[in-house]
Amino acid sequence: MSNSTAARAALPAARTALGSLLACVLLCGCASQPIRDKDPRDPWERMNRPLWNLDVTLAKKVAIPLAHGYTRVVPQFMRTGIANFMDNSFYPEVIVNDLLQGKLKFSLIDTGRFIMNSTAGIGGLLDPAGHVGLPKRDNDFGRTLGTWGVPSGPYLVIPLVGPSDVRDLVSRVPDGYLWGINYIPNDYALYSIYFVYLLDTDARTLVPAFDLLESQHVFDQYGFARNAFLQRREFLIHGQSTKSLQKQEEELEKSLQDSDDSGPGGTPGTPGTSGTPGTPGAPGASGSSGAAPKSGAAGRSSSSSSNSSSASSSSAAR
């Protein structure tokens, strides 16, 4: 591939990383009052909380109204086709990360699903593979790094995306190279698909994540979403065999108890966005407060972070 094409593929991830860096520089000097009982996984909480509140505001003012309009105007069968197409477009990323994690069986299953849906499914608009017993799966380079022992690093709220961590932020770059949409040469078509992707992601993850968080009546929704995201990512990487899952349950309980006892250490958040969010992330999620297009499944898990993360907090939220 040409250098210009490769550069285009990395643009969404580069914009996300640059936005996070600029936010760090701008907010470090204007952090709020010191936070008591700081979570060791979240040393940048004084920076993350304002970013969380920014994401929440953008979600409420922009992303959620657009998502509601999308579901009202676009018929269900069309939304299903768009969701199938978007999910299928990420499957090269899933297959490559299966191989990098040594999951040969899953890589063969996912390859079969991708080929079937891309051909018999008319480019992924239909899901014949699901009807013959090939389930939809998700994977990303952040999980690959975690599988091989790379630590997650500090928790991080990415502007316009939602909950993440340093490892998942870095993983967005290689994941971006594996998303075929990034190689579309026509800018008008490329950004049109980005916009449709954001509408689809927000409708499927952001809106349910907000509904779930509101129904929980959590005092500190920022801390709730953070613990949900971190717990879910740990579970996705290590599964039920990890011993740290019990530790995270204890940390979640202690964190929420501390929040109730000592009050918020900053402005309490409201449901978050995306990686899918984030979420997710969940709030997550996606993730997504309806802005930067996702560069890979790490975005879905952080992004899909809104839905995935918040859902995993109570049970464990692209």
C-alpha atoms as a PDB file:
ATOM      1  CA  MET A   1       0.000   0.000   0.000  1.00  0.00           C
ATOM      2  CA  SER A   2       1.139   3.557  -0.654  1.00  0.00           C
ATOM      3  CA  ASN A   3       2.349   5.791   2.114  1.00  0.00           C
ATOM      4  CA  SER A   4      -0.562   8.183   1.574  1.00  0.00           C
ATOM      5  CA  THR A   5      -3.107   5.392   1.915  1.00  0.00           C
ATOM      6  CA  ALA A   6      -1.475   4.147   5.117  1.00  0.00           C
ATOM      7  CA  ALA A   7      -1.467   7.648   6.515  1.00  0.00           C
ATOM      8  CA  ARG A   8      -5.190   8.010   5.800  1.00  0.00           C
ATOM      9  CA  ALA A   9      -5.875   4.766   7.622  1.00  0.00           C
ATOM     10  CA  ALA A  10      -4.204   6.074  10.763  1.00  0.00           C
ATOM     11  CA  LEU A  11      -5.862   9.507  10.724  1.00  0.00           C
ATOM     12  CA  PRO A  12      -8.776   8.723  13.085  1.00  0.00           C
ATOM     13  CA  ALA A  13      -6.442   7.185  15.667  1.00  0.00           C
ATOM     14  CA  ALA A  14      -3.995  10.059  15.309  1.00  0.00           C
ATOM     15  CA  ARG A  15      -6.745  12.610  15.860  1.00  0.00           C
ATOM     16  CA  THR A  16      -7.888  10.756  18.972  1.00  0.00           C
ATOM     17  CA  ALA A  17      -4.375  10.628  20.404  1.00  0.00           C
ATOM     18  CA  LEU A  18      -3.739  14.302  19.612  1.00  0.00           C
ATOM     19  CA  GLY A  19      -7.017  15.325  21.206  1.00  0.00           C
ATOM     20  CA  SER A  20      -6.141  13.436  24.363  1.00  0.00           C
ATOM     21  CA  LEU A  21      -2.666  14.989  24.516  1.00  0.00           C
ATOM     22  CA  LEU A  22      -4.021  18.514  24.072  1.00  0.00           C
ATOM     23  CA  ALA A  23      -6.607  17.903  26.759  1.00  0.00           C
ATOM     24  CA  CYS A  24      -3.892  16.756  29.151  1.00  0.00           C
ATOM     25  CA  VAL A  25      -1.859  19.906  28.537  1.00  0.00           C
ATOM     26  CA  LEU A  26      -4.845  22.244  28.901  1.00  0.00           C
ATOM     27  CA  LEU A  27      -6.460  20.650  31.926  1.00  0.00           C
ATOM     28  CA  CYS A  28      -3.517  19.698  34.091  1.00  0.00           C
ATOM     29  CA  GLY A  29      -3.072  23.306  35.109  1.00  0.00           C
ATOM     30  CA  CYS A  30      -6.737  23.870  36.002  1.00  0.00           C
ATOM     31  CA  ALA A  31      -7.593  20.684  37.890  1.00  0.00           C
ATOM     32  CA  SER A  32     -10.153  20.877  40.642  1.00  0.00           C
ATOM     33  CA  GLN A  33      -9.647  20.346  44.351  1.00  0.00           C
ATOM     34  CA  PRO A  34      -7.611  17.308  45.482  1.00  0.00           C
ATOM     35  CA  ILE A  35      -9.543  14.049  45.415  1.00  0.00           C
ATOM     36  CA  ARG A  36      -9.570  11.976  48.575  1.00  0.00           C
ATOM     37  CA  ASP A  37      -9.204   8.188  48.479  1.00  0.00           C
ATOM     38  CA  LYS A  38      -7.869   8.294  44.933  1.00  0.00           C
ATOM     39  CA  ASP A  39      -8.198   5.038  42.994  1.00  0.00           C
ATOM     40  CA  PRO A  40      -4.651   3.864  42.137  1.00  0.00           C
ATOM     41  CA  ARG A  41      -5.858   2.833  38.689  1.00  0.00           C
ATOM     42  CA  ASP A  42      -6.957   6.422  38.014  1.00  0.00           C
ATOM     43  CA  PRO A  43      -4.078   8.781  38.909  1.00  0.00           C
ATOM     44  CA  TRP A  44      -5.350  11.327  36.359  1.00  0.00           C
ATOM     45  CA  GLU A  45      -8.812  11.618  37.900  1.00  0.00           C
ATOM     46  CA  ARG A  46      -8.639  15.396  38.274  1.00  0.00           C
ATOM     47  CA  MET A  47      -8.133  15.618  34.507  1.00  0.00           C
ATOM     48  CA  ASN A  48     -10.516  12.796  33.624  1.00  0.00           C
ATOM     49  CA  ARG A  49     -13.559  14.170  35.438  1.00  0.00           C
ATOM     50  CA  PRO A  50     -13.763  17.427  33.413  1.00  0.00           C
ATOM     51  CA  LEU A  51     -13.285  15.386  30.219  1.00  0.00           C
ATOM     52  CA  TRP A  52     -16.051  13.044  31.364  1.00  0.00           C
ATOM     53  CA  ASN A  53     -18.363  15.975  31.963  1.00  0.00           C
ATOM     54  CA  LEU A  54     -17.490  17.381  28.528  1.00  0.00           C
ATOM     55  CA  ASP A  55     -18.305  14.053  26.886  1.00  0.00           C
ATOM     56  CA  VAL A  56     -21.587  13.838  28.792  1.00  0.00           C
ATOM     57  CA  THR A  57     -22.599  17.341  27.727  1.00  0.00           C
ATOM     58  CA  LEU A  58     -21.838  16.618  24.074  1.00  0.00           C
ATOM     59  CA  ALA A  59     -23.710  13.330  24.312  1.00  0.00           C
ATOM     60  CA  LYS A  60     -26.823  14.965  25.746  1.00  0.00           C
ATOM     61  CA  LYS A  61     -26.774  17.972  23.430  1.00  0.00           C
ATOM     62  CA  VAL A  62     -25.661  16.317  20.184  1.00  0.00           C
ATOM     63  CA  ALA A  63     -25.189  12.552  20.059  1.00  0.00           C
ATOM     64  CA  ILE A  64     -28.340  11.301  21.783  1.00  0.00           C
ATOM     65  CA  PRO A  65     -30.744  13.635  19.923  1.00  0.00           C
ATOM     66  CA  LEU A  66     -29.135  12.562  16.631  1.00  0.00           C
ATOM     67  CA  ALA A  67     -29.402   8.901  17.615  1.00  0.00           C
ATOM     68  CA  HIS A  68     -33.092   9.308  18.479  1.00  0.00           C
ATOM     69  CA  GLY A  69     -33.689  11.025  15.150  1.00  0.00           C
ATOM     70  CA  TYR A  70     -31.868   8.214  13.362  1.00  0.00           C
ATOM     71  CA  THR A  71     -34.066   5.539  14.964  1.00  0.00           C
ATOM     72  CA  ARG A  72     -37.241   7.519  14.204  1.00  0.00           C
ATOM     73  CA  VAL A  73     -36.446   8.226  10.555  1.00  0.00           C
ATOM     74  CA  VAL A  74     -34.597   5.088   9.402  1.00  0.00           C
ATOM     75  CA  PRO A  75     -36.698   1.887   9.265  1.00  0.00           C
ATOM     76  CA  GLN A  76     -35.668  -1.049  11.433  1.00  0.00           C
ATOM     77  CA  PHE A  77     -34.659  -3.296   8.524  1.00  0.00           C
ATOM     78  CA  MET A  78     -32.320  -0.601   7.197  1.00  0.00           C
ATOM     79  CA  ARG A  79     -30.775  -0.036  10.630  1.00  0.00           C
ATOM     80  CA  THR A  80     -30.202  -3.781  10.938  1.00  0.00           C
ATOM     81  CA  GLY A  81     -28.471  -3.861   7.556  1.00  0.00           C
ATOM     82  CA  ILE A  82     -26.258  -0.890   8.479  1.00  0.00           C
ATOM     83  CA  ALA A  83     -25.336  -2.498  11.811  1.00  0.00           C
ATOM     84  CA  ASN A  84     -24.485  -5.786  10.056  1.00  0.00           C
ATOM     85  CA  PHE A  85     -22.340  -3.965   7.488  1.00  0.00           C
ATOM     86  CA  MET A  86     -20.423  -2.025  10.144  1.00  0.00           C
ATOM     87  CA  ASP A  87     -19.817  -5.123  12.262  1.00  0.00           C
ATOM     88  CA  ASN A  88     -18.616  -7.063   9.223  1.00  0.00           C
ATOM     89  CA  SER A  89     -16.233  -4.279   8.195  1.00  0.00           C
ATOM     90  CA  PHE A  90     -14.291  -4.791  11.447  1.00  0.00           C
ATOM     91  CA  TYR A  91     -13.787  -8.514  10.959  1.00  0.00           C
ATOM     92  CA  PRO A  92     -10.253  -8.314   9.445  1.00  0.00           C
ATOM     93  CA  GLU A  93      -9.260  -6.701  12.748  1.00  0.00           C
ATOM     94  CA  VAL A  94     -10.934  -9.502  14.701  1.00  0.00           C
ATOM     95  CA  ILE A  95      -9.230 -12.222  12.627  1.00  0.00           C
ATOM     96  CA  VAL A  96      -5.743 -10.695  12.871  1.00  0.00           C
ATOM     97  CA  ASN A  97      -6.011 -10.273  16.636  1.00  0.00           C
ATOM     98  CA  ASP A  98      -7.292 -13.848  16.980  1.00  0.00           C
ATOM     99  CA  LEU A  99      -4.076 -15.002  15.321  1.00  0.00           C
ATOM    100  CA  LEU A 100      -1.881 -12.686  17.386  1.00  0.00           C
ATOM    101  CA  GLN A 101      -3.440 -14.117  20.554  1.00  0.00           C
ATOM    102  CA  GLY A 102      -2.893 -17.696  19.376  1.00  0.00           C
ATOM    103  CA  LYS A 103      -6.622 -18.411  19.030  1.00  0.00           C
ATOM    104  CA  LEU A 104      -6.385 -20.445  15.842  1.00  0.00           C
ATOM    105  CA  LYS A 105      -9.811 -22.048  16.156  1.00  0.00           C
ATOM    106  CA  PHE A 106     -11.526 -18.698  16.568  1.00  0.00           C
ATOM    107  CA  SER A 107      -9.534 -17.227  13.676  1.00  0.00           C
ATOM    108  CA  LEU A 108     -10.841 -19.958  11.355  1.00  0.00           C
ATOM    109  CA  ILE A 109     -14.423 -19.499  12.569  1.00  0.00           C
ATOM    110  CA  ASP A 110     -14.218 -15.725  12.201  1.00  0.00           C
ATOM    111  CA  THR A 111     -12.650 -16.020   8.741  1.00  0.00           C
ATOM    112  CA  GLY A 112     -15.512 -18.280   7.649  1.00  0.00           C
ATOM    113  CA  ARG A 113     -18.046 -15.826   9.044  1.00  0.00           C
ATOM    114  CA  PHE A 114     -16.403 -12.881   7.295  1.00  0.00           C
ATOM    115  CA  ILE A 115     -16.259 -14.643   3.908  1.00  0.00           C
ATOM    116  CA  MET A 116     -19.859 -15.862   4.122  1.00  0.00           C
ATOM    117  CA  ASN A 117     -21.299 -12.509   5.137  1.00  0.00           C
ATOM    118  CA  SER A 118     -19.187 -10.600   2.608  1.00  0.00           C
ATOM    119  CA  THR A 119     -20.419 -12.803  -0.265  1.00  0.00           C
ATOM    120  CA  ALA A 120     -23.781 -14.415   0.475  1.00  0.00           C
ATOM    121  CA  GLY A 121     -24.568 -11.552   2.853  1.00  0.00           C
ATOM    122  CA  ILE A 122     -24.175  -8.899   0.121  1.00  0.00           C
ATOM    123  CA  GLY A 123     -21.137  -7.170   1.520  1.00  0.00           C
ATOM    124  CA  GLY A 124     -22.196  -7.716   5.107  1.00  0.00           C
ATOM    125  CA  LEU A 125     -25.686  -6.202   4.914  1.00  0.00           C
ATOM    126  CA  LEU A 126     -27.139  -9.607   5.803  1.00  0.00           C
ATOM    127  CA  ASP A 127     -25.945 -12.095   8.417  1.00  0.00           C
ATOM    128  CA  PRO A 128     -26.286 -15.608   6.935  1.00  0.00           C
ATOM    129  CA  ALA A 129     -23.316 -16.786   9.016  1.00  0.00           C
ATOM    130  CA  GLY A 130     -25.245 -16.152  12.198  1.00  0.00           C
ATOM    131  CA  HIS A 131     -28.074 -18.345  10.967  1.00  0.00           C
ATOM    132  CA  VAL A 132     -25.730 -21.296  10.360  1.00  0.00           C
ATOM    133  CA  GLY A 133     -24.134 -21.162  13.812  1.00  0.00           C
ATOM    134  CA  LEU A 134     -21.140 -18.851  13.300  1.00  0.00           C
ATOM    135  CA  PRO A 135     -21.617 -16.314  16.111  1.00  0.00           C
ATOM    136  CA  LYS A 136     -20.512 -12.691  15.968  1.00  0.00           C
ATOM    137  CA  ARG A 137     -17.354 -11.995  17.962  1.00  0.00           C
ATOM    138  CA  ASP A 138     -15.247  -8.981  18.820  1.00  0.00           C
ATOM    139  CA  ASN A 139     -11.515  -8.513  19.314  1.00  0.00           C
ATOM    140  CA  ASP A 140      -8.934  -5.728  19.255  1.00  0.00           C
ATOM    141  CA  PHE A 141      -5.235  -5.009  19.635  1.00  0.00           C
ATOM    142  CA  GLY A 142      -5.693  -3.774  23.201  1.00  0.00           C
ATOM    143  CA  ARG A 143      -6.733  -7.291  24.185  1.00  0.00           C
ATOM    144  CA  THR A 144      -3.775  -8.693  22.271  1.00  0.00           C
ATOM    145  CA  LEU A 145      -1.378  -6.503  24.257  1.00  0.00           C
ATOM    146  CA  GLY A 146      -3.110  -7.492  27.493  1.00  0.00           C
ATOM    147  CA  THR A 147      -2.928 -11.185  26.568  1.00  0.00           C
ATOM    148  CA  TRP A 148       0.855 -10.884  26.236  1.00  0.00           C
ATOM    149  CA  GLY A 149       1.244  -9.126  29.564  1.00  0.00           C
ATOM    150  CA  VAL A 150       1.346  -5.448  28.616  1.00  0.00           C
ATOM    151  CA  PRO A 151      -0.125  -3.479  31.560  1.00  0.00           C
ATOM    152  CA  SER A 152      -3.165  -1.305  30.948  1.00  0.00           C
ATOM    153  CA  GLY A 153      -1.607   1.869  32.309  1.00  0.00           C
ATOM    154  CA  PRO A 154      -3.680   4.641  33.904  1.00  0.00           C
ATOM    155  CA  TYR A 155      -7.386   4.959  33.248  1.00  0.00           C
ATOM    156  CA  LEU A 156      -8.119   7.669  30.703  1.00  0.00           C
ATOM    157  CA  VAL A 157     -11.209   9.466  29.422  1.00  0.00           C
ATOM    158  CA  ILE A 158     -10.705  10.282  25.743  1.00  0.00           C
ATOM    159  CA  PRO A 159     -12.423  13.474  24.580  1.00  0.00           C
ATOM    160  CA  LEU A 160     -15.411  12.700  22.333  1.00  0.00           C
ATOM    161  CA  VAL A 161     -14.894   8.949  22.775  1.00  0.00           C
ATOM    162  CA  GLY A 162     -15.229   8.010  26.444  1.00  0.00           C
ATOM    163  CA  PRO A 163     -13.591   5.586  28.908  1.00  0.00           C
ATOM    164  CA  SER A 164     -10.288   4.002  27.917  1.00  0.00           C
ATOM    165  CA  ASP A 165      -6.796   3.423  29.244  1.00  0.00           C
ATOM    166  CA  VAL A 166      -3.323   4.091  27.871  1.00  0.00           C
ATOM    167  CA  ARG A 167      -2.958   0.588  26.416  1.00  0.00           C
ATOM    168  CA  ASP A 168      -6.254   0.816  24.547  1.00  0.00           C
ATOM    169  CA  LEU A 169      -5.446   4.318  23.321  1.00  0.00           C
ATOM    170  CA  VAL A 170      -2.200   3.089  21.776  1.00  0.00           C
ATOM    171  CA  SER A 171      -3.956   0.056  20.291  1.00  0.00           C
ATOM    172  CA  ARG A 172      -6.230   2.303  18.237  1.00  0.00           C
ATOM    173  CA  VAL A 173      -3.371   2.984  15.800  1.00  0.00           C
ATOM    174  CA  PRO A 174      -2.772  -0.620  14.565  1.00  0.00           C
ATOM    175  CA  ASP A 175      -6.508  -1.315  14.721  1.00  0.00           C
ATOM    176  CA  GLY A 176      -7.078   1.666  12.433  1.00  0.00           C
ATOM    177  CA  TYR A 177      -4.897   0.087   9.743  1.00  0.00           C
ATOM    178  CA  LEU A 178      -7.124  -3.006   9.772  1.00  0.00           C
ATOM    179  CA  TRP A 179     -10.434  -1.208   9.251  1.00  0.00           C
ATOM    180  CA  GLY A 180     -11.078  -1.366   5.522  1.00  0.00           C
ATOM    181  CA  ILE A 181     -13.311   1.714   5.575  1.00  0.00           C
ATOM    182  CA  ASN A 182     -10.222   3.865   6.161  1.00  0.00           C
ATOM    183  CA  TYR A 183      -8.899   2.952   2.706  1.00  0.00           C
ATOM    184  CA  ILE A 184     -11.826   4.404   0.751  1.00  0.00           C
ATOM    185  CA  PRO A 185     -10.148   6.940  -1.595  1.00  0.00           C
ATOM    186  CA  ASN A 186     -13.100   9.320  -1.956  1.00  0.00           C
ATOM    187  CA  ASP A 187     -13.285  11.748   0.974  1.00  0.00           C
ATOM    188  CA  TYR A 188     -17.007  12.391   0.565  1.00  0.00           C
ATOM    189  CA  ALA A 189     -17.796   8.669   0.729  1.00  0.00           C
ATOM    190  CA  LEU A 190     -15.333   8.133   3.580  1.00  0.00           C
ATOM    191  CA  TYR A 191     -16.750  10.804   5.875  1.00  0.00           C
ATOM    192  CA  SER A 192     -20.306   9.892   4.975  1.00  0.00           C
ATOM    193  CA  ILE A 193     -19.636   6.360   6.209  1.00  0.00           C
ATOM    194  CA  TYR A 194     -17.976   7.764   9.336  1.00  0.00           C
ATOM    195  CA  PHE A 195     -21.132   9.764  10.054  1.00  0.00           C
ATOM    196  CA  VAL A 196     -23.427   6.780   9.515  1.00  0.00           C
ATOM    197  CA  TYR A 197     -21.126   4.685  11.706  1.00  0.00           C
ATOM    198  CA  LEU A 198     -21.453   7.208  14.542  1.00  0.00           C
ATOM    199  CA  LEU A 199     -25.238   7.265  14.250  1.00  0.00           C
ATOM    200  CA  ASP A 200     -25.356   3.466  14.302  1.00  0.00           C
ATOM    201  CA  THR A 201     -22.971   3.210  17.260  1.00  0.00           C
ATOM    202  CA  ASP A 202     -24.788   5.841  19.300  1.00  0.00           C
ATOM    203  CA  ALA A 203     -28.181   4.270  18.638  1.00  0.00           C
ATOM    204  CA  ARG A 204     -26.952   0.797  19.593  1.00  0.00           C
ATOM    205  CA  THR A 205     -24.700   1.644  22.553  1.00  0.00           C
ATOM    206  CA  LEU A 206     -24.880   5.228  23.788  1.00  0.00           C
ATOM    207  CA  VAL A 207     -28.637   5.511  24.252  1.00  0.00           C
ATOM    208  CA  PRO A 208     -28.983   2.163  26.093  1.00  0.00           C
ATOM    209  CA  ALA A 209     -25.959   3.056  28.238  1.00  0.00           C
ATOM    210  CA  PHE A 210     -27.536   6.324  29.346  1.00  0.00           C
ATOM    211  CA  ASP A 211     -30.807   4.564  30.093  1.00  0.00           C
ATOM    212  CA  LEU A 212     -28.996   1.918  32.147  1.00  0.00           C
ATOM    213  CA  LEU A 213     -26.929   4.385  34.149  1.00  0.00           C
ATOM    214  CA  GLU A 214     -29.938   6.556  34.887  1.00  0.00           C
ATOM    215  CA  SER A 215     -31.843   3.512  36.124  1.00  0.00           C
ATOM    216  CA  GLN A 216     -29.043   2.613  38.571  1.00  0.00           C
ATOM    217  CA  HIS A 217     -29.395   5.891  40.552  1.00  0.00           C
ATOM    218  CA  VAL A 218     -25.641   5.862  41.228  1.00  0.00           C
ATOM    219  CA  PHE A 219     -24.286   8.722  43.360  1.00  0.00           C
ATOM    220  CA  ASP A 220     -20.961   9.013  41.493  1.00  0.00           C
ATOM    221  CA  GLN A 221     -21.552   7.911  37.919  1.00  0.00           C
ATOM    222  CA  TYR A 222     -17.994   8.751  36.899  1.00  0.00           C
ATOM    223  CA  GLY A 223     -16.592   6.222  39.392  1.00  0.00           C
ATOM    224  CA  PHE A 224     -19.285   3.717  38.462  1.00  0.00           C
ATOM    225  CA  ALA A 225     -18.434   3.917  34.752  1.00  0.00           C
ATOM    226  CA  ARG A 226     -14.685   3.789  35.411  1.00  0.00           C
ATOM    227  CA  ASN A 227     -14.925   0.622  37.482  1.00  0.00           C
ATOM    228  CA  ALA A 228     -17.305  -0.943  34.961  1.00  0.00           C
ATOM    229  CA  PHE A 229     -14.924  -0.264  32.072  1.00  0.00           C
ATOM    230  CA  LEU A 230     -11.814  -1.535  33.852  1.00  0.00           C
ATOM    231  CA  GLN A 231     -13.567  -4.630  35.143  1.00  0.00           C
ATOM    232  CA  ARG A 232     -14.991  -5.503  31.746  1.00  0.00           C
ATOM    233  CA  ARG A 233     -11.667  -5.075  29.932  1.00  0.00           C
ATOM    234  CA  GLU A 234      -9.949  -7.282  32.503  1.00  0.00           C
ATOM    235  CA  PHE A 235     -12.618  -9.941  32.018  1.00  0.00           C
ATOM    236  CA  LEU A 236     -12.384  -9.792  28.203  1.00  0.00           C
ATOM    237  CA  ILE A 237      -8.624 -10.326  28.353  1.00  0.00           C
ATOM    238  CA  HIS A 238      -8.295 -12.891  31.117  1.00  0.00           C
ATOM    239  CA  GLY A 239     -11.774 -14.394  31.339  1.00  0.00           C
ATOM    240  CA  GLN A 240     -13.052 -16.269  34.341  1.00  0.00           C
ATOM    241  CA  SER A 241      -9.615 -17.707  35.113  1.00  0.00           C
ATOM    242  CA  THR A 242      -8.232 -14.385  36.326  1.00  0.00           C
ATOM    243  CA  LYS A 243      -7.757 -13.982  40.057  1.00  0.00           C
ATOM    244  CA  SER A 244      -7.857 -10.219  39.746  1.00  0.00           C
ATOM    245  CA  LEU A 245     -11.568 -10.264  38.962  1.00  0.00           C
ATOM    246  CA  GLN A 246     -12.390 -10.759  42.639  1.00  0.00           C
ATOM    247  CA  LYS A 247      -9.973  -7.965  43.504  1.00  0.00           C
ATOM    248  CA  GLN A 248     -11.744  -5.659  41.083  1.00  0.00           C
ATOM    249  CA  GLU A 249     -15.105  -6.537  42.610  1.00  0.00           C
ATOM    250  CA  GLU A 250     -13.691  -5.560  46.012  1.00  0.00           C
ATOM    251  CA  GLU A 251     -12.213  -2.354  44.592  1.00  0.00           C
ATOM    252  CA  LEU A 252     -15.539  -1.502  42.954  1.00  0.00           C
ATOM    253  CA  GLU A 253     -17.410  -1.989  46.227  1.00  0.00           C
ATOM    254  CA  LYS A 254     -14.825   0.024  48.187  1.00  0.00           C
ATOM    255  CA  SER A 255     -14.767   2.810  45.596  1.00  0.00           C
ATOM    256  CA  LEU A 256     -18.537   3.222  45.613  1.00  0.00           C
ATOM    257  CA  GLN A 257     -18.608   3.063  49.414  1.00  0.00           C
ATOM    258  CA  ASP A 258     -15.889   5.728  49.654  1.00  0.00           C
ATOM    259  CA  SER A 259     -17.837   7.922  47.256  1.00  0.00           C
ATOM    260  CA  ASP A 260     -20.929   7.658  49.432  1.00  0.00           C
ATOM    261  CA  ASP A 261     -18.970   8.363  52.642  1.00  0.00           C
ATOM    262  CA  SER A 262     -16.777  11.244  51.536  1.00  0.00           C
ATOM    263  CA  GLY A 263     -18.782  12.833  48.732  1.00  0.00           C
ATOM    264  CA  PRO A 264     -17.646  13.430  45.185  1.00  0.00           C
ATOM    265  CA  GLY A 265     -14.051  14.398  44.559  1.00  0.00           C
ATOM    266  CA  GLY A 266     -15.088  16.548  41.694  1.00  0.00           C
ATOM    267  CA  THR A 267     -18.253  17.220  39.811  1.00  0.00           C
ATOM    268  CA  PRO A 268     -20.250  13.997  39.744  1.00  0.00           C
ATOM    269  CA  GLY A 269     -20.582  12.669  36.248  1.00  0.00           C
ATOM    270  CA  THR A 270     -23.622  11.752  34.347  1.00  0.00           C
ATOM    271  CA  PRO A 271     -23.826   8.789  32.030  1.00  0.00           C
ATOM    272  CA  GLY A 272     -20.964   8.669  29.664  1.00  0.00           C
ATOM    273  CA  THR A 273     -20.416   8.059  26.116  1.00  0.00           C
ATOM    274  CA  SER A 274     -18.823   5.332  24.508  1.00  0.00           C
ATOM    275  CA  GLY A 275     -15.469   2.893  23.796  1.00  0.00           C
ATOM    276  CA  THR A 276     -18.612   1.730  23.688  1.00  0.00           C
ATOM    277  CA  PRO A 277     -18.910   2.418  23.827  1.00  0.00           C
ATOM    278  CA  GLY A 278     -16.195   2.103  24.141  1.00  0.00           C
ATOM    279  CA  THR A 279     -18.071   1.497  27.147  1.00  0.00           C
ATOM    280  CA  PRO A 280     -18.781   2.821  28.387  1.00  0.00           C
ATOM    281  CA  GLY A 281     -17.519   2.056  26.778  1.00  0.00           C
ATOM    282  CA  ALA A 282     -18.898   1.050  27.867  1.00  0.00           C
ATOM    283  CA  PRO A 283     -20.204   4.130  29.106  1.00  0.00           C
ATOM    284  CA  GLY A 284     -18.836   3.367  26.919  1.00  0.00           C
ATOM    285  CA  ALA A 285     -18.118   1.634  24.883  1.00  0.00           C
ATOM    286  CA  SER A 286     -17.957   2.376  21.955  1.00  0.00           C
ATOM    287  CA  GLY A 287     -17.672   4.540  22.652  1.00  0.00           C
ATOM    288  CA  SER A 288     -18.799   7.613  21.580  1.00  0.00           C
ATOM    289  CA  SER A 289     -20.375  10.882  22.419  1.00  0.00           C
ATOM    290  CA  GLY A 290     -21.016  11.239  18.759  1.00  0.00           C
ATOM    291  CA  ALA A 291     -17.714  12.569  17.545  1.00  0.00           C
ATOM    292  CA  ALA A 292     -14.484  10.962  16.396  1.00  0.00           C
ATOM    293  CA  PRO A 293     -14.938   7.905  14.194  1.00  0.00           C
ATOM    294  CA  LYS A 294     -13.712   4.718  15.643  1.00  0.00           C
ATOM    295  CA  SER A 295     -10.429   3.360  14.481  1.00  0.00           C
ATOM    296  CA  GLY A 296     -10.927  -0.196  15.532  1.00  0.00           C
ATOM    297  CA  ALA A 297     -12.606  -2.584  17.893  1.00  0.00           C
ATOM    298  CA  ALA A 298     -10.759  -1.032  20.764  1.00  0.00           C
ATOM    299  CA  GLY A 299     -13.007   1.864  20.081  1.00  0.00           C
ATOM    300  CA  ARG A 300     -15.953  -0.424  20.196  1.00  0.00           C
ATOM    301  CA  SER A 301     -14.981  -1.851  23.477  1.00  0.00           C
ATOM    302  CA  SER A 302     -14.123   1.512  24.850  1.00  0.00           C
ATOM    303  CA  SER A 303     -16.519   2.599  22.853  1.00  0.00           C
ATOM    304  CA  SER A 304     -18.931   0.419  22.703  1.00  0.00           C
ATOM    305  CA  SER A 305     -17.624   1.378  26.202  1.00  0.00           C
ATOM    306  CA  SER A 306     -20.644   3.289  26.996  1.00  0.00           C
ATOM    307  CA  ASN A 307     -23.065   0.384  26.744  1.00  0.00           C
ATOM    308  CA  SER A 308     -20.603  -2.397  27.400  1.00  0.00           C
ATOM    309  CA  SER A 309     -18.884  -0.763  30.318  1.00  0.00           C
ATOM    310  CA  SER A 310     -21.998   0.330  32.139  1.00  0.00           C
ATOM    311  CA  ALA A 311     -23.732  -2.959  31.512  1.00  0.00           C
ATOM    312  CA  SER A 312     -20.750  -4.926  32.757  1.00  0.00           C
ATOM    313  CA  SER A 313     -20.681  -2.904  35.946  1.00  0.00           C
ATOM    314  CA  SER A 314     -24.049  -4.190  36.973  1.00  0.00           C
ATOM    315  CA  SER A 315     -23.491  -7.687  35.579  1.00  0.00           C
ATOM    316  CA  ALA A 316     -19.865  -8.124  34.882  1.00  0.00           C
ATOM    317  CA  ALA A 317     -20.577  -2.329  28.001  1.00  0.00           C
ATOM    318  CA  ARG A 318     -17.853  -2.122  18.729  1.00  0.00           C
END
